[in-house]
Amino acid sequence: MPETFISYARVSTQAQGRSGLGLEAQRETIARFVEQAGGILLEEFVEVETGKISD
């Protein structure tokens, strides 16, 4: 039975999230890792979050 994976990708600015560049690079890296491991990606979690605290 192949190994299963759950991925988590995060960008820290709204601009990175909108552009897709940061997320797309992470997704490609994750996909290559899972493929090389002969595994299956079960679920993907994506977060676009700034480090700023806003009240």
PDB file of N, CA and C in Angstrom:
ATOM      1  N   MET A   1       0.846  -1.178   0.000  1.00  0.00           N
ATOM      2  CA  MET A   1       0.000   0.000   0.000  1.00  0.00           C
ATOM      3  C   MET A   1       0.895   1.246   0.000  1.00  0.00           C
ATOM      4  N   PRO A   2       0.622   2.222  -0.864  1.00  0.00           N
ATOM      5  CA  PRO A   2       1.465   3.420  -0.926  1.00  0.00           C
ATOM      6  C   PRO A   2       1.316   4.286   0.326  1.00  0.00           C
ATOM      7  N   GLU A   3       2.382   4.984   0.628  1.00  0.00           N
ATOM      8  CA  GLU A   3       2.360   5.916   1.756  1.00  0.00           C
ATOM      9  C   GLU A   3       1.450   7.097   1.410  1.00  0.00           C
ATOM     10  N   THR A   4       0.747   7.612   2.391  1.00  0.00           N
ATOM     11  CA  THR A   4      -0.172   8.728   2.155  1.00  0.00           C
ATOM     12  C   THR A   4       0.353   9.999   2.817  1.00  0.00           C
ATOM     13  N   PHE A   5       0.001  11.130   2.221  1.00  0.00           N
ATOM     14  CA  PHE A   5       0.500  12.414   2.689  1.00  0.00           C
ATOM     15  C   PHE A   5      -0.631  13.436   2.760  1.00  0.00           C
ATOM     16  N   ILE A   6      -0.445  14.393   3.651  1.00  0.00           N
ATOM     17  CA  ILE A   6      -1.291  15.577   3.737  1.00  0.00           C
ATOM     18  C   ILE A   6      -0.339  16.758   3.658  1.00  0.00           C
ATOM     19  N   SER A   7      -0.624  17.734   2.798  1.00  0.00           N
ATOM     20  CA  SER A   7       0.293  18.861   2.640  1.00  0.00           C
ATOM     21  C   SER A   7      -0.260  20.128   3.283  1.00  0.00           C
ATOM     22  N   TYR A   8       0.665  21.006   3.628  1.00  0.00           N
ATOM     23  CA  TYR A   8       0.325  22.305   4.198  1.00  0.00           C
ATOM     24  C   TYR A   8       1.199  23.339   3.512  1.00  0.00           C
ATOM     25  N   ALA A   9       0.583  24.278   2.826  1.00  0.00           N
ATOM     26  CA  ALA A   9       1.316  25.347   2.153  1.00  0.00           C
ATOM     27  C   ALA A   9       0.845  26.678   2.729  1.00  0.00           C
ATOM     28  N   ARG A  10       1.791  27.598   2.906  1.00  0.00           N
ATOM     29  CA  ARG A  10       1.447  28.873   3.526  1.00  0.00           C
ATOM     30  C   ARG A  10       2.237  29.993   2.872  1.00  0.00           C
ATOM     31  N   VAL A  11       1.567  31.092   2.628  1.00  0.00           N
ATOM     32  CA  VAL A  11       2.241  32.323   2.230  1.00  0.00           C
ATOM     33  C   VAL A  11       1.901  33.370   3.277  1.00  0.00           C
ATOM     34  N   SER A  12       2.819  34.320   3.452  1.00  0.00           N
ATOM     35  CA  SER A  12       2.658  35.250   4.560  1.00  0.00           C
ATOM     36  C   SER A  12       2.178  36.635   4.155  1.00  0.00           C
ATOM     37  N   THR A  13       1.934  36.849   2.875  1.00  0.00           N
ATOM     38  CA  THR A  13       1.394  38.143   2.461  1.00  0.00           C
ATOM     39  C   THR A  13       0.236  37.927   1.504  1.00  0.00           C
ATOM     40  N   GLN A  14      -0.680  38.858   1.493  1.00  0.00           N
ATOM     41  CA  GLN A  14      -1.806  38.782   0.567  1.00  0.00           C
ATOM     42  C   GLN A  14      -1.325  38.814  -0.885  1.00  0.00           C
ATOM     43  N   ALA A  15      -0.267  39.607  -1.149  1.00  0.00           N
ATOM     44  CA  ALA A  15       0.253  39.694  -2.517  1.00  0.00           C
ATOM     45  C   ALA A  15       0.773  38.348  -2.993  1.00  0.00           C
ATOM     46  N   GLN A  16       1.488  37.616  -2.123  1.00  0.00           N
ATOM     47  CA  GLN A  16       1.965  36.281  -2.497  1.00  0.00           C
ATOM     48  C   GLN A  16       0.783  35.366  -2.773  1.00  0.00           C
ATOM     49  N   GLY A  17      -0.240  35.465  -1.949  1.00  0.00           N
ATOM     50  CA  GLY A  17      -1.417  34.626  -2.136  1.00  0.00           C
ATOM     51  C   GLY A  17      -2.130  34.909  -3.438  1.00  0.00           C
ATOM     52  N   ARG A  18      -2.285  36.188  -3.768  1.00  0.00           N
ATOM     53  CA  ARG A  18      -2.969  36.563  -5.013  1.00  0.00           C
ATOM     54  C   ARG A  18      -2.156  36.166  -6.229  1.00  0.00           C
ATOM     55  N   SER A  19      -0.835  36.335  -6.163  1.00  0.00           N
ATOM     56  CA  SER A  19       0.003  36.044  -7.317  1.00  0.00           C
ATOM     57  C   SER A  19       0.080  34.546  -7.593  1.00  0.00           C
ATOM     58  N   GLY A  20      -0.044  33.748  -6.538  1.00  0.00           N
ATOM     59  CA  GLY A  20       0.055  32.306  -6.704  1.00  0.00           C
ATOM     60  C   GLY A  20       1.483  31.810  -6.803  1.00  0.00           C
ATOM     61  N   LEU A  21       2.447  32.733  -6.882  1.00  0.00           N
ATOM     62  CA  LEU A  21       3.837  32.316  -7.074  1.00  0.00           C
ATOM     63  C   LEU A  21       4.366  31.525  -5.896  1.00  0.00           C
ATOM     64  N   GLY A  22       4.156  32.021  -4.704  1.00  0.00           N
ATOM     65  CA  GLY A  22       4.643  31.304  -3.531  1.00  0.00           C
ATOM     66  C   GLY A  22       3.955  29.965  -3.359  1.00  0.00           C
ATOM     67  N   LEU A  23       2.644  29.964  -3.498  1.00  0.00           N
ATOM     68  CA  LEU A  23       1.879  28.726  -3.339  1.00  0.00           C
ATOM     69  C   LEU A  23       2.187  27.729  -4.443  1.00  0.00           C
ATOM     70  N   GLU A  24       2.285  28.212  -5.662  1.00  0.00           N
ATOM     71  CA  GLU A  24       2.531  27.306  -6.782  1.00  0.00           C
ATOM     72  C   GLU A  24       3.880  26.607  -6.633  1.00  0.00           C
ATOM     73  N   ALA A  25       4.896  27.333  -6.212  1.00  0.00           N
ATOM     74  CA  ALA A  25       6.217  26.733  -6.013  1.00  0.00           C
ATOM     75  C   ALA A  25       6.155  25.674  -4.915  1.00  0.00           C
ATOM     76  N   GLN A  26       5.438  25.955  -3.840  1.00  0.00           N
ATOM     77  CA  GLN A  26       5.310  24.975  -2.763  1.00  0.00           C
ATOM     78  C   GLN A  26       4.551  23.738  -3.230  1.00  0.00           C
ATOM     79  N   ARG A  27       3.489  23.944  -3.981  1.00  0.00           N
ATOM     80  CA  ARG A  27       2.699  22.804  -4.480  1.00  0.00           C
ATOM     81  C   ARG A  27       3.534  21.923  -5.400  1.00  0.00           C
ATOM     82  N   GLU A  28       4.340  22.543  -6.253  1.00  0.00           N
ATOM     83  CA  GLU A  28       5.199  21.767  -7.157  1.00  0.00           C
ATOM     84  C   GLU A  28       6.215  20.945  -6.374  1.00  0.00           C
ATOM     85  N   THR A  29       6.799  21.549  -5.343  1.00  0.00           N
ATOM     86  CA  THR A  29       7.773  20.838  -4.513  1.00  0.00           C
ATOM     87  C   THR A  29       7.111  19.662  -3.796  1.00  0.00           C
ATOM     88  N   ILE A  30       5.939  19.899  -3.261  1.00  0.00           N
ATOM     89  CA  ILE A  30       5.200  18.839  -2.561  1.00  0.00           C
ATOM     90  C   ILE A  30       4.850  17.712  -3.531  1.00  0.00           C
ATOM     91  N   ALA A  31       4.364  18.080  -4.719  1.00  0.00           N
ATOM     92  CA  ALA A  31       3.984  17.065  -5.707  1.00  0.00           C
ATOM     93  C   ALA A  31       5.172  16.198  -6.103  1.00  0.00           C
ATOM     94  N   ARG A  32       6.340  16.818  -6.291  1.00  0.00           N
ATOM     95  CA  ARG A  32       7.544  16.048  -6.635  1.00  0.00           C
ATOM     96  C   ARG A  32       7.928  15.104  -5.506  1.00  0.00           C
ATOM     97  N   PHE A  33       7.852  15.593  -4.269  1.00  0.00           N
ATOM     98  CA  PHE A  33       8.199  14.754  -3.121  1.00  0.00           C
ATOM     99  C   PHE A  33       7.284  13.541  -3.036  1.00  0.00           C
ATOM    100  N   VAL A  34       5.988  13.780  -3.139  1.00  0.00           N
ATOM    101  CA  VAL A  34       5.019  12.689  -3.036  1.00  0.00           C
ATOM    102  C   VAL A  34       5.230  11.684  -4.174  1.00  0.00           C
ATOM    103  N   GLU A  35       5.469  12.192  -5.372  1.00  0.00           N
ATOM    104  CA  GLU A  35       5.694  11.305  -6.519  1.00  0.00           C
ATOM    105  C   GLU A  35       6.950  10.459  -6.327  1.00  0.00           C
ATOM    106  N   GLN A  36       8.045  11.094  -5.884  1.00  0.00           N
ATOM    107  CA  GLN A  36       9.291  10.358  -5.674  1.00  0.00           C
ATOM    108  C   GLN A  36       9.151   9.307  -4.573  1.00  0.00           C
ATOM    109  N   ALA A  37       8.279   9.587  -3.599  1.00  0.00           N
ATOM    110  CA  ALA A  37       8.048   8.635  -2.512  1.00  0.00           C
ATOM    111  C   ALA A  37       7.081   7.534  -2.928  1.00  0.00           C
ATOM    112  N   GLY A  38       6.490   7.680  -4.116  1.00  0.00           N
ATOM    113  CA  GLY A  38       5.519   6.701  -4.576  1.00  0.00           C
ATOM    114  C   GLY A  38       4.236   6.762  -3.765  1.00  0.00           C
ATOM    115  N   GLY A  39       3.950   7.947  -3.233  1.00  0.00           N
ATOM    116  CA  GLY A  39       2.803   8.093  -2.350  1.00  0.00           C
ATOM    117  C   GLY A  39       1.582   8.714  -3.004  1.00  0.00           C
ATOM    118  N   ILE A  40       0.616   8.977  -2.158  1.00  0.00           N
ATOM    119  CA  ILE A  40      -0.648   9.572  -2.579  1.00  0.00           C
ATOM    120  C   ILE A  40      -0.909  10.788  -1.698  1.00  0.00           C
ATOM    121  N   LEU A  41      -1.238  11.912  -2.326  1.00  0.00           N
ATOM    122  CA  LEU A  41      -1.594  13.118  -1.585  1.00  0.00           C
ATOM    123  C   LEU A  41      -3.093  13.064  -1.299  1.00  0.00           C
ATOM    124  N   LEU A  42      -3.434  12.904  -0.023  1.00  0.00           N
ATOM    125  CA  LEU A  42      -4.834  12.769   0.373  1.00  0.00           C
ATOM    126  C   LEU A  42      -5.548  14.103   0.502  1.00  0.00           C
ATOM    127  N   GLU A  43      -4.829  15.081   1.027  1.00  0.00           N
ATOM    128  CA  GLU A  43      -5.473  16.366   1.328  1.00  0.00           C
ATOM    129  C   GLU A  43      -4.435  17.468   1.250  1.00  0.00           C
ATOM    130  N   GLU A  44      -4.881  18.658   0.874  1.00  0.00           N
ATOM    131  CA  GLU A  44      -4.003  19.819   0.795  1.00  0.00           C
ATOM    132  C   GLU A  44      -4.627  20.953   1.593  1.00  0.00           C
ATOM    133  N   PHE A  45      -3.839  21.542   2.479  1.00  0.00           N
ATOM    134  CA  PHE A  45      -4.285  22.697   3.240  1.00  0.00           C
ATOM    135  C   PHE A  45      -3.455  23.895   2.817  1.00  0.00           C
ATOM    136  N   VAL A  46      -4.126  25.016   2.559  1.00  0.00           N
ATOM    137  CA  VAL A  46      -3.458  26.232   2.108  1.00  0.00           C
ATOM    138  C   VAL A  46      -3.870  27.377   3.021  1.00  0.00           C
ATOM    139  N   GLU A  47      -2.878  28.158   3.430  1.00  0.00           N
ATOM    140  CA  GLU A  47      -3.150  29.299   4.298  1.00  0.00           C
ATOM    141  C   GLU A  47      -2.470  30.540   3.734  1.00  0.00           C
ATOM    142  N   VAL A  48      -3.235  31.618   3.635  1.00  0.00           N
ATOM    143  CA  VAL A  48      -2.684  32.920   3.266  1.00  0.00           C
ATOM    144  C   VAL A  48      -2.871  33.790   4.484  1.00  0.00           C
ATOM    145  N   GLU A  49      -1.764  34.090   5.139  1.00  0.00           N
ATOM    146  CA  GLU A  49      -1.847  34.783   6.419  1.00  0.00           C
ATOM    147  C   GLU A  49      -0.694  35.759   6.553  1.00  0.00           C
ATOM    148  N   THR A  50      -1.002  36.945   7.013  1.00  0.00           N
ATOM    149  CA  THR A  50       0.039  37.922   7.266  1.00  0.00           C
ATOM    150  C   THR A  50       0.532  37.779   8.695  1.00  0.00           C
ATOM    151  N   GLY A  51       1.771  38.149   8.928  1.00  0.00           N
ATOM    152  CA  GLY A  51       2.326  38.102  10.262  1.00  0.00           C
ATOM    153  C   GLY A  51       1.926  39.295  11.114  1.00  0.00           C
ATOM    154  N   LYS A  52       1.294  40.278  10.485  1.00  0.00           N
ATOM    155  CA  LYS A  52       0.876  41.461  11.211  1.00  0.00           C
ATOM    156  C   LYS A  52      -0.291  41.167  12.126  1.00  0.00           C
ATOM    157  N   ILE A  53      -0.312  41.837  13.253  1.00  0.00           N
ATOM    158  CA  ILE A  53      -1.442  41.740  14.157  1.00  0.00           C
ATOM    159  C   ILE A  53      -2.295  42.990  13.942  1.00  0.00           C
ATOM    160  N   SER A  54      -3.548  42.783  13.630  1.00  0.00           N
ATOM    161  CA  SER A  54      -4.431  43.928  13.434  1.00  0.00           C
ATOM    162  C   SER A  54      -5.571  43.844  14.437  1.00  0.00           C
ATOM    163  N   ASP A  55      -5.816  44.938  15.099  1.00  0.00           N
ATOM    164  CA  ASP A  55      -6.884  44.974  16.099  1.00  0.00           C
ATOM    165  C   ASP A  55      -8.133  45.601  15.539  1.00  0.00           C
TER     166      ASP A  55
END
